[in-house]
N, C-alpha and C. Protein backbone atom coordinates (compact mmCIF):
# COMPACT_ATOMS: atom_id res chain seq x y z
N MET A 1 -0.13 -22.65 -37.05
CA MET A 1 1.01 -22.29 -35.91
C MET A 1 1.68 -23.84 -35.60
N ASN A 2 2.70 -24.22 -36.15
CA ASN A 2 3.38 -25.32 -36.07
C ASN A 2 4.10 -25.23 -34.88
N THR A 3 4.83 -26.17 -34.37
CA THR A 3 5.83 -26.23 -32.96
C THR A 3 6.85 -24.96 -33.57
N ASN A 4 7.46 -25.43 -34.48
CA ASN A 4 8.99 -24.30 -34.91
C ASN A 4 8.17 -22.88 -34.91
N GLN A 5 7.32 -22.62 -35.43
CA GLN A 5 6.95 -21.33 -35.78
C GLN A 5 6.44 -20.65 -34.32
N PHE A 6 5.90 -21.59 -33.24
CA PHE A 6 5.63 -21.27 -31.90
C PHE A 6 6.73 -21.08 -31.29
N ASN A 7 7.88 -21.72 -31.42
CA ASN A 7 9.11 -21.44 -30.80
C ASN A 7 9.82 -20.16 -31.15
N ASN A 8 9.66 -20.13 -32.33
CA ASN A 8 10.38 -18.83 -32.95
C ASN A 8 9.50 -17.58 -32.42
N GLU A 9 8.18 -17.27 -32.68
CA GLU A 9 7.65 -16.15 -32.39
C GLU A 9 6.96 -16.16 -31.01
N ILE A 10 6.68 -17.21 -30.34
CA ILE A 10 6.20 -16.76 -29.19
C ILE A 10 7.18 -17.11 -28.16
N LEU A 11 7.81 -18.26 -27.74
CA LEU A 11 8.83 -18.14 -26.82
C LEU A 11 9.98 -17.57 -26.67
N LYS A 12 10.47 -16.31 -27.90
CA LYS A 12 11.48 -15.73 -28.07
C LYS A 12 11.39 -14.59 -27.27
N HIS A 13 9.67 -14.53 -26.59
CA HIS A 13 9.60 -13.39 -25.69
C HIS A 13 9.14 -13.49 -24.51
N ALA A 14 9.56 -14.69 -24.00
CA ALA A 14 9.65 -15.24 -22.77
C ALA A 14 10.37 -14.30 -21.47
N ASP A 15 11.29 -13.74 -21.94
CA ASP A 15 12.02 -13.17 -20.91
C ASP A 15 11.41 -11.55 -20.92
N LYS A 16 10.36 -10.89 -22.05
CA LYS A 16 9.98 -9.89 -21.88
C LYS A 16 8.39 -10.08 -21.45
N ILE A 17 8.10 -11.17 -21.43
CA ILE A 17 6.81 -11.76 -20.49
C ILE A 17 7.23 -12.04 -18.96
N TYR A 18 8.27 -12.17 -18.53
CA TYR A 18 8.75 -12.60 -17.09
C TYR A 18 8.78 -11.55 -16.82
N ARG A 19 9.64 -10.11 -17.14
CA ARG A 19 9.69 -8.83 -16.59
C ARG A 19 8.66 -7.98 -16.29
N LEU A 20 7.90 -8.07 -17.26
CA LEU A 20 6.42 -7.82 -17.58
C LEU A 20 5.50 -8.32 -15.89
N ALA A 21 5.53 -8.98 -15.93
CA ALA A 21 4.78 -10.36 -14.90
C ALA A 21 5.68 -9.85 -13.71
N LYS A 22 6.80 -9.71 -13.49
CA LYS A 22 7.44 -9.53 -12.01
C LYS A 22 7.48 -8.05 -11.93
N SER A 23 7.27 -7.25 -12.96
CA SER A 23 6.95 -5.63 -12.32
C SER A 23 5.27 -5.47 -12.13
N ILE A 24 4.12 -6.45 -12.55
CA ILE A 24 3.10 -6.14 -11.82
C ILE A 24 2.50 -6.86 -10.87
N LEU A 25 3.49 -8.21 -10.99
CA LEU A 25 2.92 -9.13 -9.46
C LEU A 25 4.15 -8.91 -8.88
N CYS A 26 5.12 -8.46 -8.77
CA CYS A 26 6.31 -7.62 -7.59
C CYS A 26 6.79 -9.25 -6.77
N ASP A 27 6.80 -10.42 -7.55
CA ASP A 27 7.16 -11.72 -7.28
C ASP A 27 7.95 -12.56 -8.06
N GLU A 28 8.73 -13.19 -8.16
CA GLU A 28 9.49 -13.86 -9.11
C GLU A 28 9.12 -15.19 -9.32
N HIS A 29 8.75 -15.78 -8.07
CA HIS A 29 7.84 -17.12 -8.27
C HIS A 29 6.47 -17.03 -9.08
N ALA A 30 5.82 -16.10 -8.55
CA ALA A 30 4.64 -15.56 -9.32
C ALA A 30 4.70 -15.02 -11.00
N ALA A 31 5.80 -14.49 -10.97
CA ALA A 31 5.93 -14.07 -12.84
C ALA A 31 6.50 -15.63 -13.32
N GLN A 32 6.85 -16.23 -12.63
CA GLN A 32 7.63 -17.92 -13.35
C GLN A 32 6.10 -18.42 -13.68
N ASP A 33 5.18 -18.65 -12.71
CA ASP A 33 4.20 -19.22 -12.99
C ASP A 33 3.17 -18.56 -14.17
N ALA A 34 3.30 -16.83 -14.30
CA ALA A 34 2.31 -16.60 -15.37
C ALA A 34 3.21 -16.58 -16.66
N VAL A 35 4.39 -16.69 -16.49
CA VAL A 35 5.33 -17.20 -17.77
C VAL A 35 4.55 -18.23 -18.42
N GLN A 36 4.90 -19.23 -17.64
CA GLN A 36 4.06 -20.73 -17.86
C GLN A 36 2.62 -20.87 -18.07
N ASP A 37 2.02 -20.03 -17.58
CA ASP A 37 0.59 -20.07 -17.55
C ASP A 37 -0.15 -19.33 -18.90
N LEU A 38 0.90 -18.60 -19.30
CA LEU A 38 0.57 -17.67 -20.48
C LEU A 38 1.36 -18.69 -21.94
N ASN A 39 2.25 -19.37 -21.45
CA ASN A 39 2.46 -20.07 -22.58
C ASN A 39 1.84 -21.00 -22.95
N LEU A 40 1.07 -21.78 -21.58
CA LEU A 40 0.46 -22.71 -22.02
C LEU A 40 -1.08 -22.13 -22.77
N LYS A 41 -1.60 -21.09 -22.21
CA LYS A 41 -2.53 -20.90 -23.03
C LYS A 41 -2.44 -20.31 -24.62
N LEU A 42 -1.22 -19.78 -24.88
CA LEU A 42 -1.03 -19.50 -26.11
C LEU A 42 -0.81 -20.92 -27.18
N TRP A 43 -0.19 -21.99 -26.28
CA TRP A 43 0.01 -23.25 -26.93
C TRP A 43 -1.29 -23.70 -27.74
N GLU A 44 -2.04 -23.69 -26.57
CA GLU A 44 -3.61 -24.15 -26.69
C GLU A 44 -4.54 -23.20 -27.94
N LYS A 45 -3.89 -22.35 -28.00
CA LYS A 45 -4.82 -21.40 -29.25
C LYS A 45 -3.77 -21.08 -30.35
N ARG A 46 -3.15 -21.72 -30.53
CA ARG A 46 -1.86 -21.29 -31.38
C ARG A 46 -2.56 -21.41 -32.88
N ASP A 47 -3.44 -21.82 -33.23
CA ASP A 47 -4.10 -21.97 -34.62
C ASP A 47 -4.75 -20.86 -35.02
N LYS A 48 -5.07 -20.22 -33.66
CA LYS A 48 -5.78 -18.63 -34.03
C LYS A 48 -4.53 -17.42 -34.19
N LEU A 49 -3.44 -17.82 -33.72
CA LEU A 49 -2.19 -16.62 -33.66
C LEU A 49 -2.04 -16.34 -34.98
N ASP A 50 -2.09 -17.13 -36.00
CA ASP A 50 -1.36 -16.47 -37.38
C ASP A 50 -2.01 -15.19 -37.76
N GLY A 51 -3.48 -15.06 -37.42
CA GLY A 51 -4.17 -13.96 -37.87
C GLY A 51 -3.84 -12.82 -37.03
N ILE A 52 -2.85 -12.87 -36.03
CA ILE A 52 -2.78 -11.45 -35.19
C ILE A 52 -1.56 -10.77 -35.86
N GLU A 53 -1.76 -9.52 -35.94
CA GLU A 53 -0.76 -8.54 -36.98
C GLU A 53 0.47 -8.41 -36.00
N ASN A 54 0.17 -7.61 -34.81
CA ASN A 54 1.13 -7.57 -33.82
C ASN A 54 1.53 -8.61 -32.52
N ILE A 55 2.11 -9.72 -32.84
CA ILE A 55 2.12 -10.39 -31.76
C ILE A 55 2.73 -10.03 -30.53
N THR A 56 3.60 -9.16 -30.97
CA THR A 56 4.50 -8.94 -29.75
C THR A 56 3.68 -8.13 -28.60
N GLY A 57 2.90 -7.11 -29.35
CA GLY A 57 1.76 -6.23 -28.67
C GLY A 57 0.68 -7.43 -27.85
N PHE A 58 0.37 -8.31 -28.33
CA PHE A 58 -0.79 -9.13 -27.93
C PHE A 58 -0.56 -10.14 -26.94
N ILE A 59 0.94 -10.46 -27.04
CA ILE A 59 1.30 -11.19 -25.79
C ILE A 59 1.61 -10.25 -24.57
N LEU A 60 2.09 -9.19 -24.73
CA LEU A 60 2.54 -8.15 -23.61
C LEU A 60 0.66 -8.06 -23.07
N ARG A 61 -0.07 -7.61 -23.90
CA ARG A 61 -1.06 -7.10 -23.23
C ARG A 61 -1.96 -8.66 -22.53
N SER A 62 -1.69 -9.85 -23.16
CA SER A 62 -2.27 -11.04 -22.43
C SER A 62 -1.38 -11.36 -21.23
N THR A 63 -0.39 -10.67 -21.01
CA THR A 63 0.56 -10.96 -20.14
C THR A 63 -0.43 -10.17 -18.86
N ARG A 64 -0.25 -8.93 -19.15
CA ARG A 64 -0.59 -7.86 -18.27
C ARG A 64 -1.91 -8.26 -17.93
N ASN A 65 -3.13 -8.43 -18.86
CA ASN A 65 -4.38 -9.29 -18.35
C ASN A 65 -4.31 -10.56 -17.20
N LEU A 66 -3.48 -11.13 -17.73
CA LEU A 66 -3.09 -12.17 -16.90
C LEU A 66 -2.67 -12.15 -15.61
N CYS A 67 -1.94 -11.31 -15.65
CA CYS A 67 -1.18 -10.69 -14.27
C CYS A 67 -2.21 -9.56 -13.41
N LEU A 68 -3.01 -9.09 -13.85
CA LEU A 68 -4.23 -8.22 -13.11
C LEU A 68 -5.52 -9.07 -12.46
N ASP A 69 -5.81 -10.29 -13.59
CA ASP A 69 -6.41 -11.18 -12.95
C ASP A 69 -5.99 -11.90 -11.43
N LYS A 70 -4.49 -12.35 -11.55
CA LYS A 70 -3.99 -12.91 -10.55
C LYS A 70 -4.06 -12.25 -9.52
N LEU A 71 -3.73 -10.63 -9.53
CA LEU A 71 -3.78 -9.69 -8.31
C LEU A 71 -5.10 -9.58 -7.82
N ARG A 72 -6.33 -9.63 -8.84
CA ARG A 72 -7.33 -9.55 -8.34
C ARG A 72 -7.85 -10.93 -7.37
N GLN A 73 -7.59 -12.00 -8.02
CA GLN A 73 -7.46 -13.34 -6.85
C GLN A 73 -7.13 -13.11 -5.94
N LYS A 74 -5.88 -12.68 -5.97
CA LYS A 74 -5.09 -12.71 -4.24
C LYS A 74 -5.56 -11.51 -3.52
N HIS A 75 -6.25 -10.51 -4.07
CA HIS A 75 -6.68 -9.13 -2.86
C HIS A 75 -6.11 -8.77 -1.91
N ASP A 76 -4.69 -8.78 -2.42
CA ASP A 76 -3.99 -8.51 -1.45
C ASP A 76 -3.44 -6.89 -1.40
N GLU A 77 -4.05 -6.32 -0.55
CA GLU A 77 -3.72 -4.37 -0.28
C GLU A 77 -2.53 -4.26 0.40
N ASN A 78 -1.38 -5.06 0.32
CA ASN A 78 -0.35 -4.89 1.00
C ASN A 78 0.49 -5.10 0.33
N VAL A 79 0.76 -4.92 -1.44
CA VAL A 79 1.73 -5.22 -2.02
C VAL A 79 2.51 -3.99 -2.18
N LEU A 80 2.43 -2.95 -2.01
CA LEU A 80 3.37 -1.97 -2.13
C LEU A 80 4.12 -1.69 -0.54
N SER A 81 3.38 -1.90 0.49
CA SER A 81 3.87 -1.81 1.88
C SER A 81 5.18 -3.06 1.82
N ASP A 82 4.66 -4.14 1.50
CA ASP A 82 5.68 -4.82 1.84
C ASP A 82 6.77 -4.67 1.06
N ASP A 83 6.91 -4.15 -0.02
CA ASP A 83 7.99 -3.73 -0.52
C ASP A 83 8.95 -2.39 0.29
N LEU A 84 8.57 -2.00 1.20
CA LEU A 84 9.01 -0.94 1.85
C LEU A 84 10.27 -1.18 2.78
N GLU A 85 11.21 -0.73 3.33
CA GLU A 85 12.14 -0.98 4.21
C GLU A 85 12.14 0.09 5.14
N TYR A 86 11.97 -0.08 6.35
CA TYR A 86 11.97 0.98 7.30
C TYR A 86 13.35 0.94 8.14
N THR A 87 13.97 1.95 7.80
CA THR A 87 15.12 2.15 8.04
C THR A 87 15.26 3.39 9.50
N GLU A 88 14.24 3.31 9.88
CA GLU A 88 14.04 4.25 11.14
C GLU A 88 14.17 3.53 12.44
N SER A 89 14.60 4.20 13.34
CA SER A 89 14.99 3.37 14.77
C SER A 89 13.90 4.01 15.75
N ASP A 90 12.89 5.24 15.07
CA ASP A 90 11.90 5.13 16.01
C ASP A 90 10.85 4.77 15.70
N PRO A 91 10.17 3.88 16.69
CA PRO A 91 8.98 3.10 16.19
C PRO A 91 7.67 3.76 16.21
N TYR A 92 7.43 5.12 16.59
CA TYR A 92 6.54 6.13 15.66
C TYR A 92 6.56 6.24 14.65
N MET A 93 7.71 6.55 14.30
CA MET A 93 8.01 6.92 12.59
C MET A 93 7.69 5.47 12.02
N LYS A 94 8.18 4.47 12.28
CA LYS A 94 8.03 3.49 11.56
C LYS A 94 6.67 3.03 11.12
N LEU A 95 5.50 3.51 12.58
CA LEU A 95 4.50 3.18 12.49
C LEU A 95 3.32 4.22 11.54
N GLU A 96 4.05 5.16 11.50
CA GLU A 96 3.65 6.57 10.86
C GLU A 96 4.07 6.01 9.18
N LYS A 97 5.13 5.76 8.91
CA LYS A 97 5.32 5.37 7.67
C LYS A 97 4.92 4.12 6.85
N LYS A 98 4.55 3.11 8.19
CA LYS A 98 3.69 2.02 7.53
C LYS A 98 2.21 2.56 7.37
N ASP A 99 1.76 3.22 8.19
CA ASP A 99 0.26 3.62 8.18
C ASP A 99 0.10 4.40 6.83
N MET A 100 1.14 5.32 6.51
CA MET A 100 0.88 5.99 5.30
C MET A 100 1.22 5.29 4.02
N ALA A 101 1.94 3.87 3.86
CA ALA A 101 2.12 3.26 2.71
C ALA A 101 0.63 2.67 2.77
N THR A 102 0.32 2.02 3.83
CA THR A 102 -1.24 1.53 3.69
C THR A 102 -2.07 2.54 3.00
N ARG A 103 -2.46 3.57 3.70
CA ARG A 103 -3.50 4.54 2.85
C ARG A 103 -3.16 4.66 1.81
N ILE A 104 -2.01 4.92 1.30
CA ILE A 104 -1.37 5.18 -0.48
C ILE A 104 -1.89 3.98 -0.90
N THR A 105 -1.64 2.51 -0.52
CA THR A 105 -1.90 1.38 -0.97
C THR A 105 -3.60 1.42 -1.51
N ILE A 106 -4.17 1.61 -0.36
CA ILE A 106 -5.81 1.78 -0.06
C ILE A 106 -6.57 2.50 -1.46
N LEU A 107 -5.86 3.73 -1.56
CA LEU A 107 -5.71 4.49 -2.49
C LEU A 107 -5.80 4.13 -3.73
N ILE A 108 -4.73 3.56 -4.12
CA ILE A 108 -4.19 3.09 -5.39
C ILE A 108 -5.16 2.27 -5.78
N ASN A 109 -5.71 1.47 -4.85
CA ASN A 109 -6.42 0.38 -5.40
C ASN A 109 -7.81 0.96 -5.97
N ARG A 110 -8.27 1.76 -4.89
CA ARG A 110 -9.80 2.34 -5.36
C ARG A 110 -9.60 2.78 -7.09
N LEU A 111 -8.40 3.35 -7.72
CA LEU A 111 -8.45 4.03 -8.72
C LEU A 111 -9.07 2.87 -9.76
N PRO A 112 -9.47 3.74 -10.78
CA PRO A 112 -9.55 2.79 -11.88
C PRO A 112 -8.72 1.69 -11.89
N GLU A 113 -9.20 0.93 -12.98
CA GLU A 113 -7.91 0.09 -13.29
C GLU A 113 -6.61 0.50 -14.16
N LEU A 114 -7.49 0.94 -14.99
CA LEU A 114 -6.63 1.55 -15.65
C LEU A 114 -5.27 2.46 -15.71
N GLN A 115 -5.69 3.62 -14.29
CA GLN A 115 -4.92 4.26 -13.74
C GLN A 115 -4.16 3.82 -12.63
N ARG A 116 -5.05 2.84 -12.21
CA ARG A 116 -3.84 1.70 -11.24
C ARG A 116 -2.67 1.21 -11.93
N THR A 117 -2.96 0.67 -12.77
CA THR A 117 -2.20 -0.20 -13.72
C THR A 117 -0.74 0.42 -13.95
N ILE A 118 -1.30 1.56 -14.92
CA ILE A 118 -0.51 2.62 -15.18
C ILE A 118 0.76 3.59 -14.41
N MET A 119 0.04 3.87 -12.87
CA MET A 119 0.51 4.41 -12.01
C MET A 119 1.67 3.41 -11.24
N ARG A 120 1.08 2.14 -10.90
CA ARG A 120 2.13 0.68 -10.67
C ARG A 120 3.38 0.73 -11.61
N MET A 121 3.34 0.25 -13.05
CA MET A 121 3.91 0.17 -13.68
C MET A 121 5.13 1.67 -13.85
N ARG A 122 4.40 2.63 -13.86
CA ARG A 122 5.87 4.03 -13.77
C ARG A 122 6.02 3.98 -12.46
N ASP A 123 5.52 3.97 -11.28
CA ASP A 123 6.16 4.58 -10.30
C ASP A 123 6.58 3.61 -9.17
N VAL A 124 6.25 2.00 -9.33
CA VAL A 124 6.72 1.48 -8.89
C VAL A 124 7.71 0.55 -9.54
N GLU A 125 7.45 0.19 -10.57
CA GLU A 125 8.33 -0.51 -11.70
C GLU A 125 9.32 0.20 -12.62
N GLU A 126 8.93 1.48 -12.47
CA GLU A 126 9.63 2.31 -13.23
C GLU A 126 9.86 1.56 -14.91
N LEU A 127 8.54 1.81 -15.62
CA LEU A 127 8.62 1.34 -16.49
C LEU A 127 8.56 2.74 -17.54
N GLU A 128 9.21 2.92 -18.81
CA GLU A 128 9.30 4.13 -19.71
C GLU A 128 7.75 4.39 -20.07
N PHE A 129 7.15 5.48 -20.48
CA PHE A 129 5.89 5.78 -20.90
C PHE A 129 5.79 5.01 -22.08
N ASN A 130 6.81 4.83 -23.35
CA ASN A 130 6.63 3.98 -24.28
C ASN A 130 6.30 2.49 -24.34
N GLU A 131 7.29 2.05 -22.85
CA GLU A 131 6.86 0.86 -22.89
C GLU A 131 5.38 0.37 -22.28
N ILE A 132 4.70 1.45 -21.46
CA ILE A 132 3.36 1.16 -20.52
C ILE A 132 2.41 1.29 -22.10
N ALA A 133 2.90 2.10 -22.82
CA ALA A 133 2.15 2.24 -23.93
C ALA A 133 1.92 1.42 -24.88
N GLU A 134 2.92 0.68 -25.33
CA GLU A 134 2.72 -0.72 -25.86
C GLU A 134 1.91 -1.64 -25.16
N ILE A 135 2.11 -1.62 -23.63
CA ILE A 135 1.76 -2.96 -23.12
C ILE A 135 0.22 -2.49 -22.95
N THR A 136 -0.43 -1.33 -22.86
CA THR A 136 -1.72 -0.80 -22.48
C THR A 136 -2.31 -0.67 -23.92
N SER A 137 -1.89 -0.80 -24.83
CA SER A 137 -2.34 -0.05 -26.22
C SER A 137 -2.65 1.22 -26.65
N LEU A 138 -2.23 2.24 -25.33
CA LEU A 138 -2.75 3.53 -25.43
C LEU A 138 -1.34 4.32 -25.84
N THR A 139 -1.61 5.67 -26.27
CA THR A 139 -0.65 6.39 -26.74
C THR A 139 0.25 6.82 -25.55
N GLU A 140 1.54 7.29 -25.71
CA GLU A 140 2.01 7.92 -24.82
C GLU A 140 1.37 9.24 -24.05
N ASN A 141 0.75 9.90 -24.82
CA ASN A 141 0.11 10.91 -24.06
C ASN A 141 -1.30 10.64 -23.41
N ALA A 142 -1.93 9.47 -23.91
CA ALA A 142 -2.83 9.03 -22.99
C ALA A 142 -2.06 8.40 -21.81
N VAL A 143 -1.11 7.64 -21.84
CA VAL A 143 -0.40 7.18 -20.86
C VAL A 143 -0.19 8.33 -19.56
N ARG A 144 0.26 9.34 -20.16
CA ARG A 144 0.86 10.53 -19.02
C ARG A 144 -0.47 11.18 -18.67
N VAL A 145 -1.70 11.37 -19.56
CA VAL A 145 -2.51 11.94 -19.11
C VAL A 145 -3.25 11.10 -17.56
N ASN A 146 -3.51 9.53 -18.00
CA ASN A 146 -3.79 8.79 -16.82
C ASN A 146 -3.28 8.71 -15.79
N LEU A 147 -1.94 8.91 -15.94
CA LEU A 147 -0.94 8.95 -14.49
C LEU A 147 -1.20 9.96 -14.23
N SER A 148 -1.10 11.27 -14.48
CA SER A 148 -1.51 12.62 -14.03
C SER A 148 -2.90 12.68 -13.06
N ARG A 149 -3.44 12.01 -13.71
CA ARG A 149 -5.17 12.10 -13.24
C ARG A 149 -4.84 11.21 -11.90
N ALA A 150 -4.27 10.09 -11.97
CA ALA A 150 -4.53 9.14 -10.94
C ALA A 150 -3.28 9.77 -9.72
N ARG A 151 -2.22 10.64 -10.10
CA ARG A 151 -1.69 11.08 -9.02
C ARG A 151 -2.66 12.13 -8.38
N GLN A 152 -2.95 12.80 -9.18
CA GLN A 152 -3.69 14.24 -8.84
C GLN A 152 -5.11 13.73 -7.77
N LYS A 153 -5.53 12.36 -7.91
CA LYS A 153 -6.52 11.81 -7.34
C LYS A 153 -6.13 11.40 -5.84
N ILE A 154 -4.83 10.85 -5.92
CA ILE A 154 -4.15 10.15 -4.77
C ILE A 154 -4.04 11.57 -3.85
N ARG A 155 -3.36 12.36 -4.20
CA ARG A 155 -2.76 13.95 -3.91
C ARG A 155 -4.35 14.47 -2.94
N GLU A 156 -5.32 14.35 -3.72
CA GLU A 156 -6.54 15.20 -3.29
C GLU A 156 -7.02 14.37 -2.14
N GLN A 157 -6.91 12.93 -2.13
CA GLN A 157 -7.65 12.01 -1.35
C GLN A 157 -6.90 12.14 -0.18
N LEU A 158 -5.33 12.30 -0.21
CA LEU A 158 -4.48 12.16 0.93
C LEU A 158 -4.77 13.75 1.75
N LEU A 159 -4.96 14.68 1.15
CA LEU A 159 -4.97 15.99 1.65
C LEU A 159 -6.36 16.43 2.40
N ALA A 160 -7.34 15.42 1.95
CA ALA A 160 -8.49 15.59 2.20
C ALA A 160 -8.67 14.56 3.68
N ASN A 161 -7.47 14.09 3.93
CA ASN A 161 -7.62 12.99 5.11
C ASN A 161 -6.89 13.68 6.35
């Protein structure tokens, strides 16, 4: 793959890569870094990209994997709770909401990777089922089943405590 082909076939997806990275990482700067990192990795492997049949799917899957690696390195269990706004004036209610958000975040982080990823993409980033299916290389039905199972596990664990 030469420079022109790379620009036409890979770099045109930069906006999609950024949106996906931002939806997973929940941080604009980290998403921009992820786009740069992925473009660099793809550039270094440009000679092998010609053999890939669905380049868009490959790029989106690579973005997802890169972002998940970044999240694992970060070990930040408060990703969801940082995004919540507390408008309650009662300090007790604020504490209760923060505690619940922390518990839910911990429970989500204990889910299997696929369920955790699907749940974040659907419930936090509000991606459509077809978008999630494309990113994860699953069928839409498999995405729905995994999301349902993840929600059920969270519900059961919250009610058990």
